[in-house]
Amino acid sequence: MELNMSTISLTDFADKLSEILPLIIREFLRRQVQEICKGTVTLQQFIVMEFLKDHPDSKMHELATYMETSMATMTGIVDRLVRQKYVERHFDPSDRRTIKCALTPKGNNLLKEILKRRRDMVISIFGKLSQDDRQDYLRILTQVKDILANGKNKA
């Protein structure tokens, strides 16, 4: 069903978006895992590594909070990253009960390679759109992100 986007009702917009978004999300995640990570890490592990790049020496509970998961689940994710030598754990010198996590040089190198592949994937997809369409898409996504972030902070 082709919709006239200039006169689409909010209800029709919601229905169309509900149809399109799952496909876009599924395909981006599938390509990200298959083409970008190449079986080296899972998507969850990649997200943790990306968080550690921006938040070095994070505590386990900070990782679990960010990932919205339990400490037990987070421990399993980090255990696998430690075994693969992508992440290291160390005690906080000011409180030996606190364990912090950081990327290793091997993890940092892998993350750089994955991010490069992700950029290449985005370029190959969005290179098929005009610059104006890309700017509009980014502007709208940024607005949606801000709405979602503000709603999350109020909850």
Protein backbone atom coordinates (compact mmCIF):
# COMPACT_ATOMS: atom_id res chain seq x y z
CA MET A 1 0.00 0.00 0.00
CA GLU A 2 1.59 3.26 -1.15
CA LEU A 3 0.83 6.15 1.17
CA ASN A 4 0.81 9.81 0.20
CA MET A 5 3.37 11.01 2.74
CA SER A 6 2.24 14.64 2.53
CA THR A 7 -1.26 13.82 3.81
CA ILE A 8 -0.66 10.76 6.00
CA SER A 9 -2.58 10.73 9.28
CA LEU A 10 -0.74 10.14 12.54
CA THR A 11 -2.51 6.76 12.86
CA ASP A 12 -1.43 5.67 9.37
CA PHE A 13 2.08 6.94 10.12
CA ALA A 14 2.19 4.86 13.32
CA ASP A 15 0.96 1.76 11.45
CA LYS A 16 3.51 2.21 8.65
CA LEU A 17 6.35 2.87 11.09
CA SER A 18 5.35 -0.22 13.10
CA GLU A 19 5.67 -2.22 9.90
CA ILE A 20 8.98 -0.71 8.75
CA LEU A 21 10.99 -0.32 11.97
CA PRO A 22 11.24 -4.01 12.92
CA LEU A 23 12.62 -4.82 9.47
CA ILE A 24 15.16 -1.99 9.61
CA ILE A 25 16.26 -2.90 13.14
CA ARG A 26 16.49 -6.61 12.31
CA GLU A 27 18.51 -5.99 9.15
CA PHE A 28 20.90 -3.52 10.78
CA LEU A 29 21.49 -5.90 13.69
CA ARG A 30 21.88 -8.91 11.39
CA ARG A 31 24.39 -7.09 9.21
CA GLN A 32 26.17 -5.66 12.22
CA VAL A 33 26.63 -9.08 13.79
CA GLN A 34 27.34 -11.02 10.59
CA GLU A 35 29.29 -8.50 8.55
CA ILE A 36 30.88 -6.36 11.22
CA CYS A 37 31.69 -8.62 14.14
CA LYS A 38 32.49 -11.61 11.88
CA GLY A 39 31.82 -14.03 14.72
CA THR A 40 34.49 -12.52 16.99
CA VAL A 41 32.07 -11.08 19.56
CA THR A 42 28.33 -11.04 20.12
CA LEU A 43 26.30 -7.87 19.74
CA GLN A 44 26.02 -7.59 23.56
CA GLN A 45 29.78 -7.94 23.92
CA PHE A 46 30.32 -5.31 21.23
CA ILE A 47 27.98 -2.88 23.04
CA VAL A 48 29.90 -3.44 26.29
CA MET A 49 33.21 -2.82 24.51
CA GLU A 50 31.83 0.36 22.95
CA PHE A 51 30.68 1.54 26.40
CA LEU A 52 34.11 0.81 27.88
CA LYS A 53 35.76 2.83 25.10
CA ASP A 54 33.75 5.87 26.18
CA HIS A 55 33.77 5.04 29.93
CA PRO A 56 37.13 3.46 30.79
CA ASP A 57 37.47 1.77 34.17
CA SER A 58 33.74 1.22 34.58
CA LYS A 59 32.41 -0.71 37.54
CA MET A 60 30.44 -3.89 36.89
CA HIS A 61 27.23 -2.35 38.23
CA GLU A 62 27.66 0.59 35.82
CA LEU A 63 27.88 -1.86 32.92
CA ALA A 64 24.84 -3.80 34.16
CA THR A 65 22.85 -0.58 34.56
CA TYR A 66 23.81 0.61 31.08
CA MET A 67 22.90 -2.75 29.53
CA GLU A 68 19.73 -2.95 31.66
CA THR A 69 20.62 -6.44 32.78
CA SER A 70 21.39 -8.30 35.98
CA MET A 71 24.84 -8.43 37.55
CA ALA A 72 24.92 -12.19 36.89
CA THR A 73 24.27 -11.69 33.18
CA MET A 74 26.80 -8.87 33.02
CA THR A 75 29.39 -11.05 34.75
CA GLY A 76 28.90 -13.73 32.09
CA ILE A 77 29.32 -11.22 29.26
CA VAL A 78 32.47 -9.73 30.82
CA ASP A 79 33.85 -13.21 31.65
CA ARG A 80 33.74 -14.12 27.96
CA LEU A 81 35.40 -10.83 26.97
CA VAL A 82 38.12 -11.42 29.58
CA ARG A 83 38.71 -14.97 28.29
CA GLN A 84 39.10 -13.58 24.77
CA LYS A 85 41.51 -10.95 26.19
CA TYR A 86 39.39 -8.04 24.93
CA VAL A 87 38.66 -6.74 28.44
CA GLU A 88 40.54 -6.85 31.71
CA ARG A 89 39.29 -6.61 35.27
CA HIS A 90 41.18 -4.89 38.04
CA PHE A 91 40.52 -3.88 41.61
CA ASP A 92 39.96 -0.23 42.45
CA PRO A 93 43.03 0.79 44.52
CA SER A 94 40.83 2.90 46.80
CA ASP A 95 38.36 0.05 47.46
CA ARG A 96 39.54 -3.52 46.87
CA ARG A 97 35.91 -4.72 46.90
CA THR A 98 35.21 -2.75 43.73
CA ILE A 99 36.09 -4.36 40.41
CA LYS A 100 36.54 -2.18 37.35
CA CYS A 101 36.70 -3.19 33.70
CA ALA A 102 38.70 -1.72 30.85
CA LEU A 103 39.44 -2.54 27.24
CA THR A 104 42.77 -4.21 26.57
CA PRO A 105 44.88 -3.09 23.60
CA LYS A 106 43.57 -6.20 21.76
CA GLY A 107 39.99 -5.17 22.58
CA ASN A 108 40.63 -1.60 21.52
CA ASN A 109 42.06 -2.78 18.18
CA LEU A 110 39.08 -5.07 17.56
CA LEU A 111 36.65 -2.28 18.44
CA LYS A 112 38.37 0.11 16.00
CA GLU A 113 38.10 -2.51 13.24
CA ILE A 114 34.42 -3.20 14.00
CA LEU A 115 33.61 0.53 14.05
CA LYS A 116 35.38 0.96 10.70
CA ARG A 117 33.34 -1.89 9.22
CA ARG A 118 30.14 -0.40 10.66
CA ARG A 119 30.98 2.97 9.11
CA ASP A 120 31.60 1.25 5.75
CA MET A 121 28.25 -0.56 6.04
CA VAL A 122 26.40 2.69 6.78
CA ILE A 123 28.15 4.41 3.87
CA SER A 124 27.16 1.60 1.49
CA ILE A 125 23.50 1.82 2.55
CA PHE A 126 23.09 5.57 2.94
CA GLY A 127 25.28 6.36 -0.06
CA LYS A 128 22.23 5.37 -2.12
CA LEU A 129 20.30 8.34 -0.68
CA SER A 130 20.74 12.00 -1.52
CA GLN A 131 22.64 14.27 0.83
CA ASP A 132 19.40 16.12 1.63
CA ASP A 133 17.64 12.85 2.51
CA ARG A 134 20.58 11.81 4.72
CA GLN A 135 20.52 15.17 6.51
CA ASP A 136 16.74 14.95 7.02
CA TYR A 137 17.05 11.36 8.29
CA LEU A 138 19.78 12.30 10.75
CA ARG A 139 17.89 15.39 11.93
CA ILE A 140 14.72 13.37 12.56
CA LEU A 141 16.55 10.49 14.25
CA THR A 142 18.31 12.98 16.53
CA GLN A 143 14.95 14.48 17.51
CA VAL A 144 13.51 11.02 18.21
CA LYS A 145 16.62 10.09 20.25
CA ASP A 146 16.22 13.28 22.30
CA ILE A 147 12.52 12.57 22.92
CA LEU A 148 13.33 9.01 24.01
CA ALA A 149 16.24 10.14 26.22
CA ASN A 150 14.12 12.80 27.90
CA GLY A 151 11.28 10.35 28.45
CA LYS A 152 13.67 7.81 29.97
CA ASN A 153 15.05 10.41 32.40
CA LYS A 154 11.54 11.33 33.56
CA ALA A 155 10.44 7.74 34.20
